[in-house]
Amino acid sequence: MLLFGFSEYGDVTQFLSGYYDTNIGLKTEADSYRKIAADMGIDPDEILFLTDVEREARASAEAGMQVKIVVRDGNAPLTSGALRDFPTITSFAQM
């Protein structure tokens, strides 16, 4: 939450109803994403998960979530498998 308290737009925590960190589990394990969906009371297939990390994309997809990989400057190049298996976006307009 600290990140959202000091964004370039000021404190935006008032716009968030909750957040999840590694207390729920590792970001590379499907069970973590299942727990998040259950806690939210939403079926995993109704959640769009955005990430720039292939292992997180695979774990969330295994949990049943829709996944898009965000391509950003400075990130590690994506593998051919990630490019084959997941749609990529470069801006929120592409969601």
PDB file of N, CA and C in Angstrom:
ATOM      1  N   MET A   1       0.814  -1.197   0.000  1.00  0.00           N
ATOM      2  CA  MET A   1       0.000   0.000   0.000  1.00  0.00           C
ATOM      3  C   MET A   1       0.859   1.263   0.000  1.00  0.00           C
ATOM      4  N   LEU A   2       2.064   1.167   0.480  1.00  0.00           N
ATOM      5  CA  LEU A   2       2.946   2.331   0.521  1.00  0.00           C
ATOM      6  C   LEU A   2       3.115   2.949  -0.861  1.00  0.00           C
ATOM      7  N   LEU A   3       3.261   2.100  -1.866  1.00  0.00           N
ATOM      8  CA  LEU A   3       3.422   2.573  -3.241  1.00  0.00           C
ATOM      9  C   LEU A   3       2.254   3.468  -3.659  1.00  0.00           C
ATOM     10  N   PHE A   4       1.037   3.058  -3.311  1.00  0.00           N
ATOM     11  CA  PHE A   4      -0.153   3.799  -3.721  1.00  0.00           C
ATOM     12  C   PHE A   4      -0.373   5.065  -2.893  1.00  0.00           C
ATOM     13  N   GLY A   5       0.269   5.150  -1.747  1.00  0.00           N
ATOM     14  CA  GLY A   5       0.152   6.339  -0.914  1.00  0.00           C
ATOM     15  C   GLY A   5       1.010   7.495  -1.397  1.00  0.00           C
ATOM     16  N   PHE A   6       1.995   7.182  -2.225  1.00  0.00           N
ATOM     17  CA  PHE A   6       2.932   8.207  -2.681  1.00  0.00           C
ATOM     18  C   PHE A   6       3.157   8.122  -4.185  1.00  0.00           C
ATOM     19  N   SER A   7       2.092   8.064  -4.949  1.00  0.00           N
ATOM     20  CA  SER A   7       2.211   8.000  -6.408  1.00  0.00           C
ATOM     21  C   SER A   7       2.467   9.398  -6.965  1.00  0.00           C
ATOM     22  N   GLU A   8       2.735   9.486  -8.257  1.00  0.00           N
ATOM     23  CA  GLU A   8       2.936  10.804  -8.872  1.00  0.00           C
ATOM     24  C   GLU A   8       1.657  11.635  -8.851  1.00  0.00           C
ATOM     25  N   TYR A   9       0.519  10.996  -8.521  1.00  0.00           N
ATOM     26  CA  TYR A   9      -0.759  11.701  -8.403  1.00  0.00           C
ATOM     27  C   TYR A   9      -1.169  11.877  -6.945  1.00  0.00           C
ATOM     28  N   GLY A  10      -0.245  11.629  -6.035  1.00  0.00           N
ATOM     29  CA  GLY A  10      -0.540  11.746  -4.614  1.00  0.00           C
ATOM     30  C   GLY A  10      -1.037  10.424  -4.046  1.00  0.00           C
ATOM     31  N   ASP A  11      -1.773  10.502  -2.963  1.00  0.00           N
ATOM     32  CA  ASP A  11      -2.295   9.317  -2.286  1.00  0.00           C
ATOM     33  C   ASP A  11      -3.544   8.831  -3.019  1.00  0.00           C
ATOM     34  N   VAL A  12      -3.448   7.676  -3.666  1.00  0.00           N
ATOM     35  CA  VAL A  12      -4.588   7.131  -4.412  1.00  0.00           C
ATOM     36  C   VAL A  12      -5.223   5.936  -3.701  1.00  0.00           C
ATOM     37  N   THR A  13      -4.855   5.711  -2.435  1.00  0.00           N
ATOM     38  CA  THR A  13      -5.391   4.555  -1.711  1.00  0.00           C
ATOM     39  C   THR A  13      -6.903   4.626  -1.547  1.00  0.00           C
ATOM     40  N   GLN A  14      -7.473   5.822  -1.585  1.00  0.00           N
ATOM     41  CA  GLN A  14      -8.924   5.955  -1.449  1.00  0.00           C
ATOM     42  C   GLN A  14      -9.676   5.282  -2.597  1.00  0.00           C
ATOM     43  N   PHE A  15      -8.988   5.040  -3.703  1.00  0.00           N
ATOM     44  CA  PHE A  15      -9.618   4.429  -4.871  1.00  0.00           C
ATOM     45  C   PHE A  15      -9.488   2.908  -4.885  1.00  0.00           C
ATOM     46  N   LEU A  16      -8.828   2.338  -3.887  1.00  0.00           N
ATOM     47  CA  LEU A  16      -8.610   0.893  -3.821  1.00  0.00           C
ATOM     48  C   LEU A  16      -9.460   0.291  -2.716  1.00  0.00           C
ATOM     49  N   SER A  17     -10.125  -0.807  -3.030  1.00  0.00           N
ATOM     50  CA  SER A  17     -10.927  -1.471  -2.008  1.00  0.00           C
ATOM     51  C   SER A  17     -10.141  -2.572  -1.314  1.00  0.00           C
ATOM     52  N   GLY A  18      -8.985  -2.911  -1.842  1.00  0.00           N
ATOM     53  CA  GLY A  18      -8.148  -3.933  -1.227  1.00  0.00           C
ATOM     54  C   GLY A  18      -6.913  -4.163  -2.059  1.00  0.00           C
ATOM     55  N   TYR A  19      -6.032  -4.957  -1.532  1.00  0.00           N
ATOM     56  CA  TYR A  19      -4.815  -5.309  -2.261  1.00  0.00           C
ATOM     57  C   TYR A  19      -4.304  -6.645  -1.731  1.00  0.00           C
ATOM     58  N   TYR A  20      -3.432  -7.255  -2.473  1.00  0.00           N
ATOM     59  CA  TYR A  20      -2.849  -8.538  -2.085  1.00  0.00           C
ATOM     60  C   TYR A  20      -1.341  -8.447  -2.209  1.00  0.00           C
ATOM     61  N   ASP A  21      -0.676  -9.036  -1.248  1.00  0.00           N
ATOM     62  CA  ASP A  21       0.782  -9.084  -1.294  1.00  0.00           C
ATOM     63  C   ASP A  21       1.223 -10.530  -1.106  1.00  0.00           C
ATOM     64  N   THR A  22       2.484 -10.737  -0.846  1.00  0.00           N
ATOM     65  CA  THR A  22       2.996 -12.109  -0.761  1.00  0.00           C
ATOM     66  C   THR A  22       2.518 -12.854   0.480  1.00  0.00           C
ATOM     67  N   ASN A  23       1.767 -12.210   1.365  1.00  0.00           N
ATOM     68  CA  ASN A  23       1.168 -12.946   2.484  1.00  0.00           C
ATOM     69  C   ASN A  23       0.147 -13.957   1.979  1.00  0.00           C
ATOM     70  N   ILE A  24      -0.436 -13.726   0.819  1.00  0.00           N
ATOM     71  CA  ILE A  24      -1.416 -14.651   0.236  1.00  0.00           C
ATOM     72  C   ILE A  24      -0.725 -15.849  -0.397  1.00  0.00           C
ATOM     73  N   GLY A  25       0.547 -15.699  -0.735  1.00  0.00           N
ATOM     74  CA  GLY A  25       1.325 -16.763  -1.375  1.00  0.00           C
ATOM     75  C   GLY A  25       2.258 -16.183  -2.414  1.00  0.00           C
ATOM     76  N   LEU A  26       3.062 -17.035  -2.979  1.00  0.00           N
ATOM     77  CA  LEU A  26       4.020 -16.601  -3.992  1.00  0.00           C
ATOM     78  C   LEU A  26       3.309 -16.235  -5.290  1.00  0.00           C
ATOM     79  N   LYS A  27       3.815 -15.244  -5.978  1.00  0.00           N
ATOM     80  CA  LYS A  27       3.202 -14.788  -7.230  1.00  0.00           C
ATOM     81  C   LYS A  27       3.416 -15.763  -8.374  1.00  0.00           C
ATOM     82  N   THR A  28       4.224 -16.769  -8.162  1.00  0.00           N
ATOM     83  CA  THR A  28       4.492 -17.757  -9.210  1.00  0.00           C
ATOM     84  C   THR A  28       3.780 -19.076  -8.949  1.00  0.00           C
ATOM     85  N   GLU A  29       2.836 -19.092  -7.995  1.00  0.00           N
ATOM     86  CA  GLU A  29       2.080 -20.306  -7.677  1.00  0.00           C
ATOM     87  C   GLU A  29       0.594 -20.090  -7.945  1.00  0.00           C
ATOM     88  N   ALA A  30      -0.003 -21.023  -8.659  1.00  0.00           N
ATOM     89  CA  ALA A  30      -1.416 -20.912  -9.035  1.00  0.00           C
ATOM     90  C   ALA A  30      -2.335 -20.808  -7.824  1.00  0.00           C
ATOM     91  N   ASP A  31      -2.005 -21.494  -6.739  1.00  0.00           N
ATOM     92  CA  ASP A  31      -2.856 -21.440  -5.548  1.00  0.00           C
ATOM     93  C   ASP A  31      -3.009 -20.022  -5.007  1.00  0.00           C
ATOM     94  N   SER A  32      -1.994 -19.200  -5.158  1.00  0.00           N
ATOM     95  CA  SER A  32      -2.086 -17.806  -4.699  1.00  0.00           C
ATOM     96  C   SER A  32      -3.207 -17.078  -5.431  1.00  0.00           C
ATOM     97  N   TYR A  33      -3.305 -17.296  -6.720  1.00  0.00           N
ATOM     98  CA  TYR A  33      -4.328 -16.628  -7.527  1.00  0.00           C
ATOM     99  C   TYR A  33      -5.711 -17.215  -7.254  1.00  0.00           C
ATOM    100  N   ARG A  34      -5.778 -18.497  -6.961  1.00  0.00           N
ATOM    101  CA  ARG A  34      -7.060 -19.102  -6.571  1.00  0.00           C
ATOM    102  C   ARG A  34      -7.546 -18.504  -5.254  1.00  0.00           C
ATOM    103  N   LYS A  35      -6.629 -18.302  -4.311  1.00  0.00           N
ATOM    104  CA  LYS A  35      -6.986 -17.705  -3.021  1.00  0.00           C
ATOM    105  C   LYS A  35      -7.484 -16.277  -3.208  1.00  0.00           C
ATOM    106  N   ILE A  36      -6.838 -15.531  -4.061  1.00  0.00           N
ATOM    107  CA  ILE A  36      -7.267 -14.153  -4.320  1.00  0.00           C
ATOM    108  C   ILE A  36      -8.678 -14.137  -4.903  1.00  0.00           C
ATOM    109  N   ALA A  37      -8.933 -14.977  -5.887  1.00  0.00           N
ATOM    110  CA  ALA A  37     -10.264 -15.038  -6.497  1.00  0.00           C
ATOM    111  C   ALA A  37     -11.311 -15.434  -5.464  1.00  0.00           C
ATOM    112  N   ALA A  38     -10.996 -16.427  -4.640  1.00  0.00           N
ATOM    113  CA  ALA A  38     -11.937 -16.867  -3.612  1.00  0.00           C
ATOM    114  C   ALA A  38     -12.201 -15.749  -2.608  1.00  0.00           C
ATOM    115  N   ASP A  39     -11.159 -15.044  -2.196  1.00  0.00           N
ATOM    116  CA  ASP A  39     -11.314 -13.949  -1.247  1.00  0.00           C
ATOM    117  C   ASP A  39     -12.185 -12.835  -1.826  1.00  0.00           C
ATOM    118  N   MET A  40     -12.056 -12.605  -3.117  1.00  0.00           N
ATOM    119  CA  MET A  40     -12.858 -11.577  -3.784  1.00  0.00           C
ATOM    120  C   MET A  40     -14.272 -12.061  -4.088  1.00  0.00           C
ATOM    121  N   GLY A  41     -14.495 -13.375  -3.996  1.00  0.00           N
ATOM    122  CA  GLY A  41     -15.804 -13.926  -4.320  1.00  0.00           C
ATOM    123  C   GLY A  41     -16.101 -13.908  -5.804  1.00  0.00           C
ATOM    124  N   ILE A  42     -15.050 -14.030  -6.608  1.00  0.00           N
ATOM    125  CA  ILE A  42     -15.181 -13.973  -8.064  1.00  0.00           C
ATOM    126  C   ILE A  42     -14.567 -15.226  -8.666  1.00  0.00           C
ATOM    127  N   ASP A  43     -15.229 -15.790  -9.670  1.00  0.00           N
ATOM    128  CA  ASP A  43     -14.641 -16.923 -10.380  1.00  0.00           C
ATOM    129  C   ASP A  43     -13.361 -16.462 -11.069  1.00  0.00           C
ATOM    130  N   PRO A  44     -12.309 -17.280 -11.013  1.00  0.00           N
ATOM    131  CA  PRO A  44     -11.045 -16.881 -11.643  1.00  0.00           C
ATOM    132  C   PRO A  44     -11.186 -16.494 -13.112  1.00  0.00           C
ATOM    133  N   ASP A  45     -12.093 -17.153 -13.836  1.00  0.00           N
ATOM    134  CA  ASP A  45     -12.213 -16.844 -15.268  1.00  0.00           C
ATOM    135  C   ASP A  45     -12.838 -15.471 -15.537  1.00  0.00           C
ATOM    136  N   GLU A  46     -13.314 -14.798 -14.485  1.00  0.00           N
ATOM    137  CA  GLU A  46     -13.863 -13.455 -14.625  1.00  0.00           C
ATOM    138  C   GLU A  46     -12.828 -12.370 -14.310  1.00  0.00           C
ATOM    139  N   ILE A  47     -11.605 -12.796 -13.999  1.00  0.00           N
ATOM    140  CA  ILE A  47     -10.551 -11.856 -13.617  1.00  0.00           C
ATOM    141  C   ILE A  47      -9.543 -11.720 -14.752  1.00  0.00           C
ATOM    142  N   LEU A  48      -9.213 -10.488 -15.086  1.00  0.00           N
ATOM    143  CA  LEU A  48      -8.139 -10.213 -16.038  1.00  0.00           C
ATOM    144  C   LEU A  48      -6.908  -9.846 -15.230  1.00  0.00           C
ATOM    145  N   PHE A  49      -5.859 -10.646 -15.349  1.00  0.00           N
ATOM    146  CA  PHE A  49      -4.611 -10.407 -14.633  1.00  0.00           C
ATOM    147  C   PHE A  49      -3.583  -9.855 -15.604  1.00  0.00           C
ATOM    148  N   LEU A  50      -3.014  -8.721 -15.256  1.00  0.00           N
ATOM    149  CA  LEU A  50      -1.977  -8.092 -16.071  1.00  0.00           C
ATOM    150  C   LEU A  50      -0.644  -8.244 -15.361  1.00  0.00           C
ATOM    151  N   THR A  51       0.368  -8.652 -16.089  1.00  0.00           N
ATOM    152  CA  THR A  51       1.696  -8.827 -15.514  1.00  0.00           C
ATOM    153  C   THR A  51       2.743  -8.604 -16.583  1.00  0.00           C
ATOM    154  N   ASP A  52       3.951  -8.379 -16.143  1.00  0.00           N
ATOM    155  CA  ASP A  52       5.063  -8.300 -17.087  1.00  0.00           C
ATOM    156  C   ASP A  52       6.061  -9.429 -16.840  1.00  0.00           C
ATOM    157  N   VAL A  53       5.612 -10.447 -16.089  1.00  0.00           N
ATOM    158  CA  VAL A  53       6.475 -11.574 -15.728  1.00  0.00           C
ATOM    159  C   VAL A  53       5.842 -12.876 -16.226  1.00  0.00           C
ATOM    160  N   GLU A  54       6.561 -13.610 -17.049  1.00  0.00           N
ATOM    161  CA  GLU A  54       6.007 -14.830 -17.638  1.00  0.00           C
ATOM    162  C   GLU A  54       5.584 -15.848 -16.587  1.00  0.00           C
ATOM    163  N   ARG A  55       6.381 -16.054 -15.555  1.00  0.00           N
ATOM    164  CA  ARG A  55       6.032 -17.063 -14.542  1.00  0.00           C
ATOM    165  C   ARG A  55       4.736 -16.704 -13.817  1.00  0.00           C
ATOM    166  N   GLU A  56       4.508 -15.425 -13.583  1.00  0.00           N
ATOM    167  CA  GLU A  56       3.247 -14.991 -12.979  1.00  0.00           C
ATOM    168  C   GLU A  56       2.092 -15.212 -13.949  1.00  0.00           C
ATOM    169  N   ALA A  57       2.320 -14.957 -15.222  1.00  0.00           N
ATOM    170  CA  ALA A  57       1.294 -15.178 -16.241  1.00  0.00           C
ATOM    171  C   ALA A  57       0.892 -16.647 -16.270  1.00  0.00           C
ATOM    172  N   ARG A  58       1.860 -17.523 -16.238  1.00  0.00           N
ATOM    173  CA  ARG A  58       1.567 -18.958 -16.277  1.00  0.00           C
ATOM    174  C   ARG A  58       0.819 -19.407 -15.026  1.00  0.00           C
ATOM    175  N   ALA A  59       1.222 -18.925 -13.868  1.00  0.00           N
ATOM    176  CA  ALA A  59       0.558 -19.321 -12.624  1.00  0.00           C
ATOM    177  C   ALA A  59      -0.885 -18.831 -12.587  1.00  0.00           C
ATOM    178  N   SER A  60      -1.117 -17.589 -12.971  1.00  0.00           N
ATOM    179  CA  SER A  60      -2.480 -17.061 -12.946  1.00  0.00           C
ATOM    180  C   SER A  60      -3.358 -17.732 -14.002  1.00  0.00           C
ATOM    181  N   ALA A  61      -2.789 -18.049 -15.146  1.00  0.00           N
ATOM    182  CA  ALA A  61      -3.539 -18.780 -16.174  1.00  0.00           C
ATOM    183  C   ALA A  61      -3.889 -20.179 -15.689  1.00  0.00           C
ATOM    184  N   GLU A  62      -2.958 -20.823 -14.997  1.00  0.00           N
ATOM    185  CA  GLU A  62      -3.224 -22.155 -14.439  1.00  0.00           C
ATOM    186  C   GLU A  62      -4.367 -22.095 -13.429  1.00  0.00           C
ATOM    187  N   ALA A  63      -4.491 -20.973 -12.731  1.00  0.00           N
ATOM    188  CA  ALA A  63      -5.580 -20.793 -11.771  1.00  0.00           C
ATOM    189  C   ALA A  63      -6.907 -20.503 -12.465  1.00  0.00           C
ATOM    190  N   GLY A  64      -6.869 -20.261 -13.771  1.00  0.00           N
ATOM    191  CA  GLY A  64      -8.090 -20.037 -14.533  1.00  0.00           C
ATOM    192  C   GLY A  64      -8.358 -18.596 -14.911  1.00  0.00           C
ATOM    193  N   MET A  65      -7.436 -17.706 -14.617  1.00  0.00           N
ATOM    194  CA  MET A  65      -7.633 -16.291 -14.932  1.00  0.00           C
ATOM    195  C   MET A  65      -7.312 -15.989 -16.389  1.00  0.00           C
ATOM    196  N   GLN A  66      -7.928 -14.922 -16.891  1.00  0.00           N
ATOM    197  CA  GLN A  66      -7.540 -14.372 -18.187  1.00  0.00           C
ATOM    198  C   GLN A  66      -6.250 -13.589 -17.948  1.00  0.00           C
ATOM    199  N   VAL A  67      -5.326 -13.675 -18.875  1.00  0.00           N
ATOM    200  CA  VAL A  67      -4.015 -13.054 -18.657  1.00  0.00           C
ATOM    201  C   VAL A  67      -3.564 -12.295 -19.894  1.00  0.00           C
ATOM    202  N   LYS A  68      -2.994 -11.135 -19.659  1.00  0.00           N
ATOM    203  CA  LYS A  68      -2.290 -10.390 -20.705  1.00  0.00           C
ATOM    204  C   LYS A  68      -0.941  -9.983 -20.135  1.00  0.00           C
ATOM    205  N   ILE A  69       0.072 -10.083 -20.967  1.00  0.00           N
ATOM    206  CA  ILE A  69       1.403  -9.656 -20.548  1.00  0.00           C
ATOM    207  C   ILE A  69       1.623  -8.226 -21.016  1.00  0.00           C
ATOM    208  N   VAL A  70       2.034  -7.394 -20.079  1.00  0.00           N
ATOM    209  CA  VAL A  70       2.298  -5.988 -20.359  1.00  0.00           C
ATOM    210  C   VAL A  70       3.758  -5.849 -20.781  1.00  0.00           C
ATOM    211  N   VAL A  71       3.967  -5.321 -21.968  1.00  0.00           N
ATOM    212  CA  VAL A  71       5.319  -5.117 -22.495  1.00  0.00           C
ATOM    213  C   VAL A  71       5.721  -3.680 -22.177  1.00  0.00           C
ATOM    214  N   ARG A  72       6.813  -3.546 -21.424  1.00  0.00           N
ATOM    215  CA  ARG A  72       7.277  -2.219 -21.013  1.00  0.00           C
ATOM    216  C   ARG A  72       8.766  -2.089 -21.279  1.00  0.00           C
ATOM    217  N   ASP A  73       9.188  -0.879 -21.551  1.00  0.00           N
ATOM    218  CA  ASP A  73      10.614  -0.620 -21.743  1.00  0.00           C
ATOM    219  C   ASP A  73      11.389  -1.049 -20.505  1.00  0.00           C
ATOM    220  N   GLY A  74      12.518  -1.680 -20.734  1.00  0.00           N
ATOM    221  CA  GLY A  74      13.379  -2.076 -19.635  1.00  0.00           C
ATOM    222  C   GLY A  74      13.110  -3.456 -19.079  1.00  0.00           C
ATOM    223  N   ASN A  75      12.027  -4.093 -19.498  1.00  0.00           N
ATOM    224  CA  ASN A  75      11.736  -5.449 -19.019  1.00  0.00           C
ATOM    225  C   ASN A  75      12.555  -6.473 -19.785  1.00  0.00           C
ATOM    226  N   ALA A  76      12.725  -7.625 -19.179  1.00  0.00           N
ATOM    227  CA  ALA A  76      13.410  -8.723 -19.861  1.00  0.00           C
ATOM    228  C   ALA A  76      12.609  -9.117 -21.099  1.00  0.00           C
ATOM    229  N   PRO A  77      13.289  -9.519 -22.158  1.00  0.00           N
ATOM    230  CA  PRO A  77      12.571  -9.970 -23.359  1.00  0.00           C
ATOM    231  C   PRO A  77      11.696 -11.186 -23.038  1.00  0.00           C
ATOM    232  N   LEU A  78      10.555 -11.260 -23.693  1.00  0.00           N
ATOM    233  CA  LEU A  78       9.662 -12.406 -23.506  1.00  0.00           C
ATOM    234  C   LEU A  78      10.154 -13.585 -24.325  1.00  0.00           C
ATOM    235  N   THR A  79       9.910 -14.773 -23.797  1.00  0.00           N
ATOM    236  CA  THR A  79      10.274 -15.979 -24.536  1.00  0.00           C
ATOM    237  C   THR A  79       9.290 -16.185 -25.676  1.00  0.00           C
ATOM    238  N   SER A  80       9.672 -17.007 -26.633  1.00  0.00           N
ATOM    239  CA  SER A  80       8.757 -17.314 -27.737  1.00  0.00           C
ATOM    240  C   SER A  80       7.509 -18.006 -27.205  1.00  0.00           C
ATOM    241  N   GLY A  81       7.652 -18.796 -26.144  1.00  0.00           N
ATOM    242  CA  GLY A  81       6.501 -19.459 -25.533  1.00  0.00           C
ATOM    243  C   GLY A  81       5.516 -18.471 -24.940  1.00  0.00           C
ATOM    244  N   ALA A  82       6.017 -17.452 -24.272  1.00  0.00           N
ATOM    245  CA  ALA A  82       5.137 -16.428 -23.695  1.00  0.00           C
ATOM    246  C   ALA A  82       4.418 -15.669 -24.797  1.00  0.00           C
ATOM    247  N   LEU A  83       5.138 -15.329 -25.846  1.00  0.00           N
ATOM    248  CA  LEU A  83       4.523 -14.613 -26.971  1.00  0.00           C
ATOM    249  C   LEU A  83       3.474 -15.466 -27.670  1.00  0.00           C
ATOM    250  N   ARG A  84       3.685 -16.769 -27.695  1.00  0.00           N
ATOM    251  CA  ARG A  84       2.736 -17.687 -28.318  1.00  0.00           C
ATOM    252  C   ARG A  84       1.504 -17.884 -27.431  1.00  0.00           C
ATOM    253  N   ASP A  85       1.719 -17.989 -26.120  1.00  0.00           N
ATOM    254  CA  ASP A  85       0.655 -18.399 -25.206  1.00  0.00           C
ATOM    255  C   ASP A  85      -0.201 -17.268 -24.646  1.00  0.00           C
ATOM    256  N   PHE A  86       0.308 -16.032 -24.679  1.00  0.00           N
ATOM    257  CA  PHE A  86      -0.407 -14.928 -24.043  1.00  0.00           C
ATOM    258  C   PHE A  86      -0.481 -13.713 -24.962  1.00  0.00           C
ATOM    259  N   PRO A  87      -1.631 -13.037 -24.960  1.00  0.00           N
ATOM    260  CA  PRO A  87      -1.685 -11.762 -25.675  1.00  0.00           C
ATOM    261  C   PRO A  87      -0.830 -10.737 -24.930  1.00  0.00           C
ATOM    262  N   THR A  88      -0.274  -9.799 -25.665  1.00  0.00           N
ATOM    263  CA  THR A  88       0.527  -8.747 -25.048  1.00  0.00           C
ATOM    264  C   THR A  88      -0.120  -7.393 -25.301  1.00  0.00           C
ATOM    265  N   ILE A  89       0.116  -6.484 -24.372  1.00  0.00           N
ATOM    266  CA  ILE A  89      -0.359  -5.111 -24.524  1.00  0.00           C
ATOM    267  C   ILE A  89       0.779  -4.162 -24.151  1.00  0.00           C
ATOM    268  N   THR A  90       0.695  -2.953 -24.658  1.00  0.00           N
ATOM    269  CA  THR A  90       1.674  -1.927 -24.306  1.00  0.00           C
ATOM    270  C   THR A  90       1.019  -0.718 -23.647  1.00  0.00           C
ATOM    271  N   SER A  91      -0.329  -0.720 -23.580  1.00  0.00           N
ATOM    272  CA  SER A  91      -1.037   0.379 -22.916  1.00  0.00           C
ATOM    273  C   SER A  91      -2.405  -0.108 -22.450  1.00  0.00           C
ATOM    274  N   PHE A  92      -2.992   0.625 -21.507  1.00  0.00           N
ATOM    275  CA  PHE A  92      -4.324   0.274 -21.021  1.00  0.00           C
ATOM    276  C   PHE A  92      -5.371   0.366 -22.124  1.00  0.00           C
ATOM    277  N   ALA A  93      -5.132   1.170 -23.126  1.00  0.00           N
ATOM    278  CA  ALA A  93      -6.074   1.305 -24.237  1.00  0.00           C
ATOM    279  C   ALA A  93      -6.257  -0.009 -24.985  1.00  0.00           C
ATOM    280  N   GLN A  94      -5.309  -0.921 -24.855  1.00  0.00           N
ATOM    281  CA  GLN A  94      -5.375  -2.207 -25.557  1.00  0.00           C
ATOM    282  C   GLN A  94      -6.113  -3.280 -24.764  1.00  0.00           C
ATOM    283  N   MET A  95      -6.614  -2.932 -23.616  1.00  0.00           N
ATOM    284  CA  MET A  95      -7.344  -3.917 -22.826  1.00  0.00           C
ATOM    285  C   MET A  95      -8.721  -4.085 -23.394  1.00  0.00           C
TER     286      MET A  95
END
